[in-house]
Amino acid sequence: MTKWPLPDPMQRALAQARAAAQAGEVPIGAVVVKDGAVIAAAHNMPRALHDPTAHAEVLAIRAAAAALGNERLDGCDLWVSLEPCAMCAGAIVHARIARVYYAASDPKGGAVAHGPRVFDQPTCLHRPEVYAGMGEEEAGAMLRDFFNARR
């Protein structure tokens, strides 16, 4: 079976996750893409910024909104190394992200395919298309290695 290379945005999200791990943060990275170009990239920074909301997705969404000069990220895609949590899923909804691609599933803290399944709720204002599993092995290994080193 031929293993296809990961799309560039997921490679960049995983590179951001590696940068987070090197900084002592949980290895999660995200990029926002508009018309095929990466307009924002970020990794987890809650410890560095002393900010519990400084998740990779939130930071990437903030940077993309600033780059576009608009709080609505219509037509943008979010590529992230881990299934978004409830807070990040809420930010995705409010930003009107068109598509979400995530690598590893998160049965404990994820809120897209697990837990509250934010996008499936009848009160959800916007439902992005969701694609899961691309880069799952690498993202999962990075997270396992990170937490095993701290136990």
N, C-alpha and C. Protein backbone atom coordinates (compact mmCIF):
# COMPACT_ATOMS: atom_id res chain seq x y z
N MET A 1 0.84 -1.18 0.00
CA MET A 1 0.00 0.00 0.00
C MET A 1 0.89 1.24 0.00
N THR A 2 0.59 2.19 -0.85
CA THR A 2 1.35 3.42 -0.95
C THR A 2 0.90 4.40 0.12
N LYS A 3 1.87 4.97 0.82
CA LYS A 3 1.55 5.97 1.82
C LYS A 3 1.78 7.34 1.19
N TRP A 4 0.72 8.13 1.10
CA TRP A 4 0.79 9.44 0.47
C TRP A 4 1.36 10.45 1.44
N PRO A 5 2.09 11.43 0.92
CA PRO A 5 2.59 12.48 1.82
C PRO A 5 1.43 13.32 2.35
N LEU A 6 1.62 13.82 3.54
CA LEU A 6 0.60 14.69 4.13
C LEU A 6 0.54 16.01 3.36
N PRO A 7 -0.65 16.60 3.26
CA PRO A 7 -0.76 17.92 2.65
C PRO A 7 0.09 18.93 3.43
N ASP A 8 0.61 19.91 2.73
CA ASP A 8 1.47 20.92 3.34
C ASP A 8 0.88 21.56 4.59
N PRO A 9 -0.41 21.94 4.62
CA PRO A 9 -0.94 22.56 5.84
C PRO A 9 -0.85 21.63 7.06
N MET A 10 -1.07 20.32 6.89
CA MET A 10 -0.96 19.41 8.03
C MET A 10 0.51 19.25 8.43
N GLN A 11 1.40 19.23 7.46
CA GLN A 11 2.82 19.18 7.80
C GLN A 11 3.22 20.39 8.63
N ARG A 12 2.68 21.54 8.26
CA ARG A 12 2.97 22.77 9.02
C ARG A 12 2.36 22.74 10.41
N ALA A 13 1.14 22.20 10.52
CA ALA A 13 0.51 22.07 11.85
C ALA A 13 1.34 21.16 12.74
N LEU A 14 1.83 20.05 12.19
CA LEU A 14 2.67 19.14 12.96
C LEU A 14 4.00 19.78 13.33
N ALA A 15 4.55 20.60 12.44
CA ALA A 15 5.78 21.34 12.77
C ALA A 15 5.53 22.30 13.93
N GLN A 16 4.38 22.93 13.93
CA GLN A 16 4.01 23.82 15.04
C GLN A 16 3.88 23.01 16.34
N ALA A 17 3.32 21.80 16.25
CA ALA A 17 3.19 20.94 17.43
C ALA A 17 4.57 20.57 17.98
N ARG A 18 5.52 20.27 17.08
CA ARG A 18 6.89 19.97 17.53
C ARG A 18 7.50 21.19 18.23
N ALA A 19 7.25 22.38 17.71
CA ALA A 19 7.75 23.61 18.33
C ALA A 19 7.16 23.78 19.73
N ALA A 20 5.90 23.44 19.88
CA ALA A 20 5.26 23.52 21.21
C ALA A 20 5.96 22.58 22.18
N ALA A 21 6.19 21.35 21.75
CA ALA A 21 6.86 20.36 22.61
C ALA A 21 8.25 20.85 23.03
N GLN A 22 8.98 21.41 22.09
CA GLN A 22 10.32 21.93 22.39
C GLN A 22 10.27 23.07 23.40
N ALA A 23 9.15 23.79 23.43
CA ALA A 23 8.98 24.90 24.37
C ALA A 23 8.37 24.43 25.69
N GLY A 24 8.13 23.12 25.82
CA GLY A 24 7.55 22.59 27.05
C GLY A 24 6.04 22.70 27.12
N GLU A 25 5.42 23.02 26.00
CA GLU A 25 3.96 23.12 25.92
C GLU A 25 3.41 21.80 25.36
N VAL A 26 2.14 21.51 25.62
CA VAL A 26 1.51 20.34 25.04
C VAL A 26 1.61 20.47 23.52
N PRO A 27 2.10 19.43 22.82
CA PRO A 27 2.38 19.54 21.39
C PRO A 27 1.15 19.53 20.49
N ILE A 28 0.58 20.71 20.35
CA ILE A 28 -0.55 20.90 19.44
C ILE A 28 -0.23 22.12 18.59
N GLY A 29 -0.43 21.95 17.28
CA GLY A 29 -0.18 23.05 16.34
C GLY A 29 -1.36 23.22 15.42
N ALA A 30 -1.50 24.44 14.89
CA ALA A 30 -2.61 24.75 14.00
C ALA A 30 -2.18 25.76 12.95
N VAL A 31 -2.79 25.66 11.78
CA VAL A 31 -2.61 26.66 10.74
C VAL A 31 -3.97 27.00 10.14
N VAL A 32 -4.10 28.23 9.67
CA VAL A 32 -5.30 28.67 8.96
C VAL A 32 -4.89 28.93 7.52
N VAL A 33 -5.69 28.39 6.60
CA VAL A 33 -5.41 28.50 5.17
C VAL A 33 -6.56 29.23 4.50
N LYS A 34 -6.21 30.16 3.61
CA LYS A 34 -7.21 30.90 2.81
C LYS A 34 -6.74 30.88 1.37
N ASP A 35 -7.59 30.41 0.49
CA ASP A 35 -7.27 30.34 -0.94
C ASP A 35 -5.94 29.62 -1.19
N GLY A 36 -5.69 28.56 -0.44
CA GLY A 36 -4.50 27.74 -0.64
C GLY A 36 -3.23 28.24 0.02
N ALA A 37 -3.28 29.40 0.67
CA ALA A 37 -2.10 29.97 1.31
C ALA A 37 -2.27 29.97 2.83
N VAL A 38 -1.21 29.62 3.55
CA VAL A 38 -1.23 29.68 5.01
C VAL A 38 -1.16 31.15 5.41
N ILE A 39 -2.17 31.60 6.15
CA ILE A 39 -2.19 33.01 6.59
C ILE A 39 -1.90 33.15 8.07
N ALA A 40 -1.91 32.03 8.81
CA ALA A 40 -1.60 32.07 10.24
C ALA A 40 -1.17 30.70 10.69
N ALA A 41 -0.25 30.67 11.64
CA ALA A 41 0.21 29.42 12.23
C ALA A 41 0.51 29.68 13.70
N ALA A 42 0.23 28.68 14.54
CA ALA A 42 0.46 28.85 15.97
C ALA A 42 0.57 27.48 16.64
N HIS A 43 1.11 27.51 17.83
CA HIS A 43 1.14 26.30 18.65
C HIS A 43 0.67 26.67 20.05
N ASN A 44 0.39 25.63 20.84
CA ASN A 44 -0.07 25.86 22.20
C ASN A 44 0.92 26.74 22.96
N MET A 45 0.40 27.69 23.73
CA MET A 45 1.23 28.58 24.52
C MET A 45 0.62 28.99 25.86
N PRO A 46 -0.24 28.17 26.48
CA PRO A 46 -0.84 28.59 27.75
C PRO A 46 0.18 28.88 28.83
N ARG A 47 1.23 28.06 28.92
CA ARG A 47 2.24 28.29 29.97
C ARG A 47 3.06 29.54 29.68
N ALA A 48 3.53 29.68 28.47
CA ALA A 48 4.37 30.82 28.12
C ALA A 48 3.62 32.14 28.27
N LEU A 49 2.35 32.15 27.88
CA LEU A 49 1.57 33.39 27.93
C LEU A 49 0.77 33.55 29.22
N HIS A 50 0.83 32.54 30.10
CA HIS A 50 0.03 32.56 31.34
C HIS A 50 -1.43 32.83 30.99
N ASP A 51 -1.90 32.06 29.98
CA ASP A 51 -3.25 32.27 29.45
C ASP A 51 -3.88 30.92 29.13
N PRO A 52 -4.86 30.49 29.91
CA PRO A 52 -5.48 29.19 29.66
C PRO A 52 -6.20 29.10 28.32
N THR A 53 -6.46 30.23 27.66
CA THR A 53 -7.12 30.20 26.35
C THR A 53 -6.13 30.17 25.20
N ALA A 54 -4.85 30.13 25.47
CA ALA A 54 -3.82 30.21 24.42
C ALA A 54 -3.58 28.84 23.77
N HIS A 55 -4.66 28.22 23.32
CA HIS A 55 -4.56 26.98 22.57
C HIS A 55 -4.15 27.31 21.14
N ALA A 56 -3.54 26.36 20.46
CA ALA A 56 -3.06 26.57 19.09
C ALA A 56 -4.15 27.10 18.18
N GLU A 57 -5.34 26.51 18.26
CA GLU A 57 -6.42 26.92 17.37
C GLU A 57 -6.84 28.36 17.63
N VAL A 58 -6.98 28.74 18.87
CA VAL A 58 -7.40 30.10 19.22
C VAL A 58 -6.35 31.11 18.76
N LEU A 59 -5.08 30.82 19.00
CA LEU A 59 -4.02 31.73 18.58
C LEU A 59 -3.97 31.86 17.06
N ALA A 60 -4.13 30.74 16.35
CA ALA A 60 -4.12 30.78 14.88
C ALA A 60 -5.33 31.55 14.35
N ILE A 61 -6.49 31.35 14.95
CA ILE A 61 -7.69 32.08 14.54
C ILE A 61 -7.52 33.57 14.78
N ARG A 62 -6.98 33.95 15.94
CA ARG A 62 -6.74 35.37 16.23
C ARG A 62 -5.80 35.99 15.20
N ALA A 63 -4.71 35.28 14.89
CA ALA A 63 -3.73 35.80 13.93
C ALA A 63 -4.34 35.91 12.53
N ALA A 64 -5.14 34.93 12.14
CA ALA A 64 -5.79 34.97 10.83
C ALA A 64 -6.78 36.13 10.74
N ALA A 65 -7.56 36.33 11.78
CA ALA A 65 -8.52 37.44 11.79
C ALA A 65 -7.79 38.78 11.69
N ALA A 66 -6.67 38.90 12.39
CA ALA A 66 -5.88 40.14 12.31
C ALA A 66 -5.31 40.31 10.90
N ALA A 67 -4.81 39.22 10.32
CA ALA A 67 -4.23 39.30 8.97
C ALA A 67 -5.26 39.70 7.92
N LEU A 68 -6.49 39.21 8.09
CA LEU A 68 -7.55 39.52 7.13
C LEU A 68 -8.32 40.79 7.48
N GLY A 69 -8.14 41.28 8.71
CA GLY A 69 -8.89 42.46 9.13
C GLY A 69 -10.37 42.19 9.27
N ASN A 70 -10.70 40.96 9.69
CA ASN A 70 -12.10 40.58 9.79
C ASN A 70 -12.24 39.45 10.81
N GLU A 71 -13.24 39.53 11.66
CA GLU A 71 -13.46 38.47 12.65
C GLU A 71 -14.08 37.23 12.03
N ARG A 72 -14.62 37.35 10.85
CA ARG A 72 -15.20 36.22 10.12
C ARG A 72 -14.15 35.66 9.17
N LEU A 73 -13.87 34.40 9.32
CA LEU A 73 -12.86 33.75 8.48
C LEU A 73 -13.55 32.89 7.41
N ASP A 74 -14.52 33.50 6.73
CA ASP A 74 -15.25 32.81 5.67
C ASP A 74 -14.28 32.27 4.62
N GLY A 75 -14.49 31.04 4.22
CA GLY A 75 -13.65 30.43 3.20
C GLY A 75 -12.31 29.95 3.69
N CYS A 76 -12.08 30.02 5.00
CA CYS A 76 -10.80 29.58 5.57
C CYS A 76 -10.91 28.14 6.08
N ASP A 77 -9.78 27.46 6.04
CA ASP A 77 -9.67 26.11 6.58
C ASP A 77 -8.74 26.15 7.78
N LEU A 78 -9.05 25.32 8.77
CA LEU A 78 -8.19 25.17 9.94
C LEU A 78 -7.62 23.77 9.93
N TRP A 79 -6.31 23.66 10.00
CA TRP A 79 -5.60 22.39 10.07
C TRP A 79 -4.98 22.32 11.45
N VAL A 80 -5.27 21.25 12.21
CA VAL A 80 -4.79 21.16 13.59
C VAL A 80 -4.37 19.73 13.89
N SER A 81 -3.39 19.60 14.76
CA SER A 81 -2.83 18.28 15.04
C SER A 81 -3.68 17.43 15.99
N LEU A 82 -4.62 18.02 16.70
CA LEU A 82 -5.46 17.27 17.63
C LEU A 82 -6.90 17.76 17.53
N GLU A 83 -7.84 16.86 17.71
CA GLU A 83 -9.26 17.21 17.71
C GLU A 83 -9.50 18.39 18.66
N PRO A 84 -10.13 19.46 18.18
CA PRO A 84 -10.37 20.62 19.03
C PRO A 84 -11.22 20.33 20.26
N CYS A 85 -10.90 21.04 21.34
CA CYS A 85 -11.68 20.98 22.58
C CYS A 85 -12.94 21.84 22.42
N ALA A 86 -13.77 21.88 23.44
CA ALA A 86 -15.01 22.65 23.38
C ALA A 86 -14.76 24.14 23.18
N MET A 87 -13.75 24.69 23.87
CA MET A 87 -13.45 26.11 23.72
C MET A 87 -13.03 26.42 22.29
N CYS A 88 -12.15 25.60 21.74
CA CYS A 88 -11.66 25.84 20.38
C CYS A 88 -12.76 25.60 19.35
N ALA A 89 -13.61 24.60 19.59
CA ALA A 89 -14.74 24.36 18.68
C ALA A 89 -15.66 25.58 18.67
N GLY A 90 -15.87 26.19 19.84
CA GLY A 90 -16.67 27.41 19.90
C GLY A 90 -16.05 28.54 19.11
N ALA A 91 -14.73 28.68 19.21
CA ALA A 91 -14.04 29.73 18.45
C ALA A 91 -14.16 29.46 16.94
N ILE A 92 -14.08 28.20 16.55
CA ILE A 92 -14.22 27.83 15.14
C ILE A 92 -15.61 28.22 14.63
N VAL A 93 -16.62 27.97 15.43
CA VAL A 93 -18.00 28.33 15.06
C VAL A 93 -18.11 29.83 14.88
N HIS A 94 -17.64 30.60 15.86
CA HIS A 94 -17.79 32.05 15.80
C HIS A 94 -16.96 32.68 14.69
N ALA A 95 -15.85 32.05 14.33
CA ALA A 95 -15.01 32.56 13.24
C ALA A 95 -15.57 32.16 11.87
N ARG A 96 -16.51 31.24 11.86
CA ARG A 96 -17.11 30.75 10.62
C ARG A 96 -16.09 30.04 9.71
N ILE A 97 -15.21 29.27 10.35
CA ILE A 97 -14.24 28.46 9.60
C ILE A 97 -15.01 27.49 8.70
N ALA A 98 -14.61 27.37 7.45
CA ALA A 98 -15.34 26.53 6.50
C ALA A 98 -15.07 25.05 6.70
N ARG A 99 -13.79 24.69 6.89
CA ARG A 99 -13.41 23.29 7.01
C ARG A 99 -12.38 23.12 8.12
N VAL A 100 -12.51 22.03 8.88
CA VAL A 100 -11.56 21.69 9.93
C VAL A 100 -10.95 20.34 9.59
N TYR A 101 -9.62 20.29 9.55
CA TYR A 101 -8.88 19.05 9.35
C TYR A 101 -8.09 18.81 10.62
N TYR A 102 -8.29 17.67 11.27
CA TYR A 102 -7.48 17.38 12.44
C TYR A 102 -6.85 16.01 12.34
N ALA A 103 -5.67 15.88 12.94
CA ALA A 103 -4.90 14.64 12.84
C ALA A 103 -5.41 13.61 13.83
N ALA A 104 -5.09 13.77 15.10
CA ALA A 104 -5.42 12.76 16.12
C ALA A 104 -6.75 13.06 16.79
N SER A 105 -7.49 12.00 17.05
CA SER A 105 -8.73 12.13 17.81
C SER A 105 -8.38 12.28 19.29
N ASP A 106 -9.30 12.89 20.04
CA ASP A 106 -9.09 13.09 21.47
C ASP A 106 -10.34 12.64 22.22
N PRO A 107 -10.44 11.33 22.52
CA PRO A 107 -11.63 10.83 23.20
C PRO A 107 -11.89 11.47 24.57
N LYS A 108 -10.84 11.95 25.22
CA LYS A 108 -11.00 12.54 26.56
C LYS A 108 -11.40 14.02 26.50
N GLY A 109 -10.73 14.81 25.69
CA GLY A 109 -10.97 16.25 25.69
C GLY A 109 -11.52 16.82 24.40
N GLY A 110 -11.63 15.99 23.36
CA GLY A 110 -12.14 16.48 22.09
C GLY A 110 -13.61 16.82 22.16
N ALA A 111 -14.03 17.74 21.29
CA ALA A 111 -15.43 18.18 21.31
C ALA A 111 -16.05 18.21 19.92
N VAL A 112 -15.38 17.54 18.97
CA VAL A 112 -15.91 17.48 17.61
C VAL A 112 -16.55 16.11 17.37
N ALA A 113 -15.77 15.06 17.50
CA ALA A 113 -16.28 13.69 17.33
C ALA A 113 -16.53 13.02 18.67
N HIS A 114 -16.11 13.66 19.74
CA HIS A 114 -16.24 13.10 21.09
C HIS A 114 -16.91 14.13 22.00
N GLY A 115 -17.19 13.70 23.23
CA GLY A 115 -17.74 14.63 24.23
C GLY A 115 -18.96 15.37 23.74
N PRO A 116 -18.94 16.70 23.84
CA PRO A 116 -20.14 17.47 23.52
C PRO A 116 -20.49 17.56 22.04
N ARG A 117 -19.57 17.17 21.15
CA ARG A 117 -19.83 17.23 19.70
C ARG A 117 -20.48 18.56 19.33
N VAL A 118 -19.75 19.60 19.57
CA VAL A 118 -20.25 20.97 19.44
C VAL A 118 -20.94 21.23 18.10
N PHE A 119 -20.34 20.79 17.00
CA PHE A 119 -20.90 21.12 15.69
C PHE A 119 -22.21 20.38 15.40
N ASP A 120 -22.51 19.35 16.18
CA ASP A 120 -23.74 18.58 15.98
C ASP A 120 -24.92 19.11 16.79
N GLN A 121 -24.68 20.08 17.65
CA GLN A 121 -25.74 20.59 18.52
C GLN A 121 -26.73 21.45 17.71
N PRO A 122 -28.03 21.33 18.02
CA PRO A 122 -29.02 22.11 17.27
C PRO A 122 -28.85 23.62 17.45
N THR A 123 -28.19 24.03 18.53
CA THR A 123 -27.98 25.46 18.77
C THR A 123 -26.70 25.99 18.13
N CYS A 124 -25.95 25.14 17.45
CA CYS A 124 -24.70 25.56 16.81
C CYS A 124 -25.01 26.50 15.65
N LEU A 125 -24.39 27.67 15.66
CA LEU A 125 -24.66 28.72 14.67
C LEU A 125 -24.05 28.46 13.31
N HIS A 126 -22.99 27.63 13.28
CA HIS A 126 -22.26 27.36 12.04
C HIS A 126 -21.65 25.97 12.15
N ARG A 127 -21.72 25.21 11.09
CA ARG A 127 -21.17 23.85 11.09
C ARG A 127 -20.12 23.71 9.99
N PRO A 128 -18.86 23.66 10.36
CA PRO A 128 -17.83 23.47 9.34
C PRO A 128 -17.82 22.02 8.86
N GLU A 129 -17.27 21.80 7.68
CA GLU A 129 -16.99 20.44 7.25
C GLU A 129 -15.83 19.95 8.11
N VAL A 130 -15.83 18.67 8.45
CA VAL A 130 -14.77 18.13 9.32
C VAL A 130 -14.15 16.90 8.66
N TYR A 131 -12.82 16.87 8.67
CA TYR A 131 -12.05 15.76 8.13
C TYR A 131 -11.03 15.35 9.19
N ALA A 132 -11.04 14.08 9.58
CA ALA A 132 -10.19 13.62 10.67
C ALA A 132 -9.23 12.53 10.21
N GLY A 133 -8.11 12.41 10.93
CA GLY A 133 -7.21 11.28 10.77
C GLY A 133 -5.97 11.49 9.95
N MET A 134 -5.86 12.58 9.22
CA MET A 134 -4.69 12.85 8.41
C MET A 134 -3.51 13.23 9.30
N GLY A 135 -2.48 12.39 9.37
CA GLY A 135 -1.34 12.67 10.25
C GLY A 135 -1.55 12.16 11.65
N GLU A 136 -2.54 11.32 11.84
CA GLU A 136 -2.91 10.84 13.18
C GLU A 136 -1.77 10.12 13.88
N GLU A 137 -1.04 9.28 13.16
CA GLU A 137 0.05 8.51 13.79
C GLU A 137 1.12 9.43 14.37
N GLU A 138 1.58 10.39 13.57
CA GLU A 138 2.63 11.28 14.04
C GLU A 138 2.15 12.16 15.19
N ALA A 139 0.97 12.71 15.07
CA ALA A 139 0.43 13.57 16.13
C ALA A 139 0.22 12.78 17.42
N GLY A 140 -0.32 11.59 17.30
CA GLY A 140 -0.54 10.75 18.48
C GLY A 140 0.76 10.37 19.16
N ALA A 141 1.77 10.00 18.36
CA ALA A 141 3.07 9.64 18.92
C ALA A 141 3.70 10.82 19.64
N MET A 142 3.58 12.00 19.07
CA MET A 142 4.13 13.21 19.69
C MET A 142 3.49 13.45 21.06
N LEU A 143 2.18 13.32 21.13
CA LEU A 143 1.47 13.53 22.39
C LEU A 143 1.84 12.46 23.42
N ARG A 144 1.88 11.20 23.00
CA ARG A 144 2.26 10.11 23.92
C ARG A 144 3.68 10.33 24.46
N ASP A 145 4.61 10.65 23.57
CA ASP A 145 6.00 10.88 23.99
C ASP A 145 6.09 12.04 24.97
N PHE A 146 5.36 13.11 24.70
CA PHE A 146 5.38 14.28 25.55
C PHE A 146 4.91 13.93 26.96
N PHE A 147 3.78 13.24 27.06
CA PHE A 147 3.23 12.93 28.39
C PHE A 147 4.00 11.81 29.07
N ASN A 148 4.50 10.84 28.33
CA ASN A 148 5.31 9.78 28.95
C ASN A 148 6.59 10.34 29.57
N ALA A 149 7.17 11.36 28.95
CA ALA A 149 8.39 11.98 29.48
C ALA A 149 8.12 12.73 30.78
N ARG A 150 6.87 13.04 31.05
CA ARG A 150 6.53 13.81 32.26
C ARG A 150 5.97 12.96 33.37
N ARG A 151 5.85 11.68 33.16
CA ARG A 151 5.29 10.80 34.19
C ARG A 151 6.38 10.19 35.03
